Structure formats: structure tokens, C-alpha cells
Amino acid sequence: MTDGTPLVMVGTMKGLFLFTGPDRDNLTCSGPHLAGRSVYAAVYDDRNGRSRILASASSMHWGSTLHISDDLGQTWSEPTVPTLAFPSDADAALMNIWQLALGHDSQPDVVWAGVEPAALFRSTDAGESFELVRGLWDHPHRPQWQPGGGGLCLHTVLPHPADPARMLIAISAAGNYLTDDAGATWRAANTGIKAGFLPDPYPEFGQCVHKVDRDAGDPDRLYLQHHWGIYRSDDGGERW
């Protein structure tokens, strides 16, 4: 957190739990916050003097909504009009918010959201409002994307820590896509990933990617959990 205190956030089907304390052996638990809702993603934002938690919570009655707390979960704000929603001309409706990620250090008010059906949203006001990233939504591959077992979800958003224009996203079951121009254009990034369930075992896209994460010590080393195994990339996702 802003004062250096560790914060662990755990999303569950029954709400969000927060663990804080001086070290990992002395943590205090609070919660469940957003009780009775399934929390799929949460991120802590301490940029620009904030102490903000953003969390996506889903319920069978209200659907998926984004909640904000500026006091470590004591109170939560929920807009009366959804701040994260598809525009009318997209002919789509939000099903779930799968991932929340903070923007590059040079963009202290940017927040990214990966959702279902597979799409990327960008906020420039620290999560108060979001806009659809058209470069990905209008990609020529999108009509051919197929859902995985959990749905057609954009579940991974990895901004590059050294390059604000570069980002990798992952979709189940479309695979990985990279941008080098802050989301204006995107290219498939699945070279070397086998999809044994498809007629072409090494397709340009269509891999059932479950999750991707970045190595803490090397920003260009990525690890990928895939339907058929674990992969590693040492060049930022160009080859696996």
C-alpha cells in the first residue's frame, strides 16, 4: 500500500477478502467485502496519491459491475449507470469483467479491463469511466474467435513495464495478441504454441490459453498456461 504495508486481495465466489499486516506472518483479514458476489478481479491503485481498490463483482441478479473503494473496503461506490459497458453499435452486452490492470507508470490514471465477450476497455480517469478499445474489437480475427469452456473471455492484460505502447492480452480460446502502438492495432502472438485439438496444430490463433504472467525480474520473459501444457517466451511473446 502507499505506506509500504503488504496488502493481499483474494477474490472468491462469496466476496473479496483483504489481508493486511506488517509482514506475511502477521496478517489481519477483513471481509467478505461485496458479500454474496463472485469477485473475479481486483487491483490496488496507489498512483497519484490514491489508495483505491477496484474490484469486479458478479451476481446472478445484477450481472457484472465494477466497484471502487478509497478506504480499504470500508465503503464501496457503485455507479447507478454502468461505467463499463459496450457502446450500442457494438451489438454486445457485458457478461463478466475478468481482469483489471494498471497502466504504465507514465500513465498514472490509466486502468485496463479485460471482459467477456472478449474485449478490452481503457479508463483514463482511474476507473471512473471506460471506453472500448476499438483496435481489438474491430480486429478481422474476432468473428472467428471461439469460446473456451469458461466462455469467450479476455482474462489477461499485461502492459509492458518499460514501454507504454506495448501490451499483451490473452483470450480463451483465441490465444495471445500484441500491440506496439497502445492498442490502435493488434497482431496474433502464438508462434510455437500447439493446439492439438485443431486441424492445423500450429494455427495463427485459436489456442486455448488459460493465463499468462510476466517474470518479475525480466519483463520480456512470459509464462503461459495452456490447455496442452506450460510455455515460456523470452522475447515478450513473439515466440513460445
Protein backbone atom coordinates (compact mmCIF):
# COMPACT_ATOMS: atom_id res chain seq x y z
CA MET A 1 0.00 0.00 0.00
CA THR A 2 1.06 3.67 -0.01
CA ASP A 3 2.67 3.28 3.44
CA GLY A 4 4.51 0.10 2.45
CA THR A 5 2.16 -2.25 4.32
CA PRO A 6 1.55 -5.51 2.44
CA LEU A 7 -1.93 -6.00 1.01
CA VAL A 8 -3.24 -9.31 -0.32
CA MET A 9 -6.59 -9.40 -2.10
CA VAL A 10 -8.42 -12.70 -2.55
CA GLY A 11 -11.49 -12.87 -4.75
CA THR A 12 -13.94 -15.70 -4.08
CA MET A 13 -17.44 -16.77 -5.07
CA LYS A 14 -18.67 -15.20 -1.81
CA GLY A 15 -16.89 -11.84 -1.98
CA LEU A 16 -13.50 -10.16 -1.61
CA PHE A 17 -11.18 -10.74 1.34
CA LEU A 18 -8.38 -8.31 2.25
CA PHE A 19 -5.29 -9.32 4.21
CA THR A 20 -3.05 -6.57 5.64
CA GLY A 21 -0.24 -6.52 8.18
CA PRO A 22 3.41 -5.75 8.82
CA ASP A 23 4.60 -8.99 7.15
CA ARG A 24 3.30 -12.26 5.73
CA ASP A 25 3.27 -13.96 9.14
CA ASN A 26 1.14 -11.26 10.77
CA LEU A 27 -1.81 -10.53 8.53
CA THR A 28 -5.28 -9.35 9.52
CA CYS A 29 -8.26 -10.40 7.42
CA SER A 30 -11.31 -8.30 6.61
CA GLY A 31 -14.32 -9.34 4.59
CA PRO A 32 -16.10 -10.63 2.82
CA HIS A 33 -16.44 -7.31 1.02
CA LEU A 34 -19.10 -7.19 -1.70
CA ALA A 35 -20.61 -10.16 0.13
CA GLY A 36 -22.62 -12.65 -1.86
CA ARG A 37 -21.00 -11.71 -5.17
CA SER A 38 -18.34 -13.50 -7.15
CA VAL A 39 -15.20 -11.36 -7.35
CA TYR A 40 -13.22 -12.22 -10.49
CA ALA A 41 -10.65 -9.42 -10.44
CA ALA A 42 -9.27 -6.77 -8.10
CA VAL A 43 -6.41 -4.29 -8.30
CA TYR A 44 -4.92 -1.82 -5.82
CA ASP A 45 -4.07 1.63 -7.19
CA ASP A 46 -1.71 3.85 -5.17
CA ARG A 47 -0.79 6.19 -8.03
CA ASN A 48 -1.34 9.95 -7.85
CA GLY A 49 -1.82 9.78 -4.09
CA ARG A 50 -4.73 7.33 -4.28
CA SER A 51 -5.41 4.37 -2.02
CA ARG A 52 -8.02 2.78 -4.24
CA ILE A 53 -9.28 -0.75 -4.75
CA LEU A 54 -11.12 -1.57 -7.94
CA ALA A 55 -12.99 -4.87 -7.97
CA SER A 56 -15.26 -6.61 -10.42
CA ALA A 57 -18.18 -8.34 -8.77
CA SER A 58 -20.77 -10.51 -10.43
CA SER A 59 -24.17 -11.70 -9.28
CA MET A 60 -26.94 -13.65 -10.98
CA HIS A 61 -29.32 -10.76 -10.36
CA TRP A 62 -27.23 -7.64 -11.12
CA GLY A 63 -24.70 -9.07 -13.57
CA SER A 64 -21.08 -7.89 -13.58
CA THR A 65 -20.24 -4.45 -12.20
CA LEU A 66 -17.14 -2.51 -11.21
CA HIS A 67 -16.88 -1.31 -7.60
CA ILE A 68 -14.47 1.25 -6.13
CA SER A 69 -13.27 1.70 -2.55
CA ASP A 70 -10.98 4.52 -1.43
CA ASP A 71 -10.84 3.42 2.21
CA LEU A 72 -9.64 -0.20 2.01
CA GLY A 73 -13.07 -1.70 1.74
CA GLN A 74 -14.88 0.18 4.49
CA THR A 75 -17.18 1.72 1.88
CA TRP A 76 -17.76 0.95 -1.80
CA SER A 77 -19.18 3.05 -4.60
CA GLU A 78 -21.25 1.50 -7.37
CA PRO A 79 -22.46 3.77 -10.18
CA THR A 80 -26.17 3.85 -10.91
CA VAL A 81 -25.30 3.79 -14.62
CA PRO A 82 -22.63 1.19 -15.54
CA THR A 83 -19.29 2.85 -16.28
CA LEU A 84 -18.03 -0.21 -18.13
CA ALA A 85 -20.44 -1.15 -20.93
CA PHE A 86 -20.37 -1.81 -24.64
CA PRO A 87 -21.49 1.05 -26.87
CA SER A 88 -24.78 0.46 -28.66
CA ASP A 89 -23.19 -0.01 -32.08
CA ALA A 90 -21.04 -2.89 -30.80
CA ASP A 91 -24.13 -5.14 -30.60
CA ALA A 92 -22.80 -6.83 -27.46
CA ALA A 93 -23.56 -6.91 -23.75
CA LEU A 94 -21.11 -7.20 -20.86
CA MET A 95 -21.15 -10.65 -19.29
CA ASN A 96 -18.16 -10.51 -16.95
CA ILE A 97 -15.08 -8.46 -16.05
CA TRP A 98 -12.21 -10.95 -15.92
CA GLN A 99 -9.13 -8.77 -15.50
CA LEU A 100 -8.15 -5.33 -14.17
CA ALA A 101 -4.66 -3.92 -14.75
CA LEU A 102 -2.98 -0.60 -14.06
CA GLY A 103 -1.45 1.38 -16.90
CA HIS A 104 2.22 2.18 -17.40
CA ASP A 105 3.94 4.38 -14.79
CA SER A 106 3.85 7.24 -17.29
CA GLN A 107 0.04 6.89 -17.42
CA PRO A 108 -0.92 7.20 -13.73
CA ASP A 109 -4.66 7.44 -14.38
CA VAL A 110 -4.98 4.61 -16.92
CA VAL A 111 -6.72 1.35 -15.96
CA TRP A 112 -7.36 -1.56 -18.34
CA ALA A 113 -10.20 -4.07 -18.12
CA GLY A 114 -10.48 -7.39 -19.96
CA VAL A 115 -14.03 -8.66 -20.29
CA GLU A 116 -16.39 -11.29 -21.67
CA PRO A 117 -17.31 -11.33 -24.53
CA ALA A 118 -13.64 -10.89 -25.39
CA ALA A 119 -12.87 -7.17 -25.45
CA LEU A 120 -10.52 -4.65 -23.89
CA PHE A 121 -11.63 -1.41 -22.20
CA ARG A 122 -9.49 1.57 -21.21
CA SER A 123 -10.05 4.14 -18.46
CA THR A 124 -8.15 7.44 -18.34
CA ASP A 125 -9.66 8.62 -15.05
CA ALA A 126 -8.54 5.89 -12.63
CA GLY A 127 -11.54 3.65 -13.26
CA GLU A 128 -14.35 6.19 -13.09
CA SER A 129 -15.28 5.56 -16.75
CA PHE A 130 -14.18 3.24 -19.57
CA GLU A 131 -14.11 3.18 -23.37
CA LEU A 132 -13.98 0.16 -25.67
CA VAL A 133 -10.60 -0.35 -27.39
CA ARG A 134 -11.78 -0.41 -30.97
CA GLY A 135 -8.49 -1.60 -32.42
CA LEU A 136 -9.02 -5.01 -30.84
CA TRP A 137 -12.82 -5.13 -31.12
CA ASP A 138 -12.63 -4.46 -34.88
CA HIS A 139 -9.81 -6.95 -35.48
CA PRO A 140 -10.51 -9.15 -38.55
CA HIS A 141 -9.93 -12.31 -36.49
CA ARG A 142 -12.68 -11.54 -33.98
CA PRO A 143 -15.62 -13.07 -35.92
CA GLN A 144 -13.69 -16.38 -35.90
CA TRP A 145 -12.86 -16.46 -32.19
CA GLN A 146 -14.46 -19.36 -30.35
CA PRO A 147 -15.21 -19.56 -26.59
CA GLY A 148 -13.33 -21.87 -24.28
CA GLY A 149 -15.02 -23.88 -21.55
CA GLY A 150 -15.37 -20.77 -19.39
CA GLY A 151 -16.61 -18.53 -22.18
CA LEU A 152 -15.03 -16.16 -24.71
CA CYS A 153 -13.12 -14.15 -22.12
CA LEU A 154 -10.20 -11.75 -22.24
CA HIS A 155 -8.58 -12.86 -19.00
CA THR A 156 -5.02 -11.50 -19.19
CA VAL A 157 -3.84 -7.90 -19.64
CA LEU A 158 -0.07 -7.34 -19.42
CA PRO A 159 1.13 -3.78 -20.09
CA HIS A 160 4.90 -3.72 -20.67
CA PRO A 161 6.65 -2.05 -17.71
CA ALA A 162 9.26 -0.37 -19.92
CA ASP A 163 7.20 0.53 -22.99
CA PRO A 164 3.81 2.26 -22.57
CA ALA A 165 2.85 1.46 -26.17
CA ARG A 166 3.34 -2.30 -25.84
CA MET A 167 0.89 -4.76 -24.28
CA LEU A 168 0.00 -8.45 -24.47
CA ILE A 169 -3.53 -9.73 -23.93
CA ALA A 170 -4.79 -13.32 -23.87
CA ILE A 171 -8.21 -14.67 -24.78
CA SER A 172 -9.78 -18.07 -24.21
CA ALA A 173 -9.86 -19.62 -26.74
CA ALA A 174 -8.35 -17.21 -29.28
CA GLY A 175 -4.79 -17.01 -27.93
CA ASN A 176 -2.42 -14.09 -27.43
CA TYR A 177 -2.39 -10.72 -29.17
CA LEU A 178 0.25 -7.97 -29.03
CA THR A 179 0.06 -4.25 -29.64
CA ASP A 180 3.04 -1.94 -30.18
CA ASP A 181 1.01 1.25 -30.63
CA ALA A 182 -1.05 1.49 -27.41
CA GLY A 183 -3.96 -0.57 -28.74
CA ALA A 184 -4.50 1.02 -32.15
CA THR A 185 -3.53 -2.23 -33.94
CA TRP A 186 -3.06 -5.82 -32.78
CA ARG A 187 -1.34 -8.96 -34.10
CA ALA A 188 -1.63 -12.60 -33.08
CA ALA A 189 1.33 -13.77 -30.98
CA ASN A 190 1.06 -17.57 -30.74
CA THR A 191 4.11 -18.80 -32.66
CA GLY A 192 5.19 -22.17 -31.24
CA ILE A 193 2.03 -22.88 -29.23
CA LYS A 194 0.49 -26.18 -30.24
CA ALA A 195 -3.27 -26.62 -30.47
CA GLY A 196 -3.60 -30.37 -30.86
CA PHE A 197 -7.38 -30.21 -30.93
CA LEU A 198 -7.42 -28.23 -34.22
CA PRO A 199 -6.84 -29.50 -37.78
CA ASP A 200 -3.79 -27.22 -38.01
CA PRO A 201 -1.87 -27.93 -34.78
CA TYR A 202 0.04 -24.62 -35.01
CA PRO A 203 -2.59 -22.07 -36.06
CA GLU A 204 -2.10 -18.30 -36.17
CA PHE A 205 -4.80 -18.00 -33.49
CA GLY A 206 -7.32 -20.25 -31.72
CA GLN A 207 -5.13 -21.57 -28.89
CA CYS A 208 -6.86 -22.30 -25.59
CA VAL A 209 -4.75 -20.04 -23.37
CA HIS A 210 -5.69 -20.17 -19.70
CA LYS A 211 -3.40 -17.49 -18.21
CA VAL A 212 -0.19 -15.58 -18.95
CA ASP A 213 2.10 -13.84 -16.45
CA ARG A 214 5.31 -11.82 -16.62
CA ASP A 215 8.57 -12.71 -14.89
CA ALA A 216 9.23 -10.29 -12.04
CA GLY A 217 12.91 -9.92 -12.96
CA ASP A 218 12.73 -9.93 -16.75
CA PRO A 219 9.88 -8.00 -18.44
CA ASP A 220 10.35 -9.89 -21.71
CA ARG A 221 10.07 -13.35 -20.15
CA LEU A 222 6.50 -14.62 -20.05
CA TYR A 223 4.95 -17.83 -18.75
CA LEU A 224 1.78 -19.25 -20.25
CA GLN A 225 -0.62 -21.90 -19.01
CA HIS A 226 -2.20 -23.63 -21.98
CA HIS A 227 -4.76 -26.36 -22.48
CA TRP A 228 -1.92 -28.68 -23.55
CA GLY A 229 0.94 -27.58 -21.31
CA ILE A 230 3.14 -24.77 -19.98
CA TYR A 231 5.05 -22.45 -22.32
CA ARG A 232 7.73 -19.78 -21.92
CA SER A 233 8.64 -16.81 -24.09
CA ASP A 234 11.92 -14.91 -23.76
CA ASP A 235 11.09 -12.19 -26.28
CA GLY A 236 7.90 -10.69 -24.93
CA GLY A 237 5.54 -13.16 -26.59
CA GLU A 238 6.89 -13.14 -30.15
CA ARG A 239 7.82 -16.83 -29.93
CA TRP A 240 6.93 -19.54 -27.38
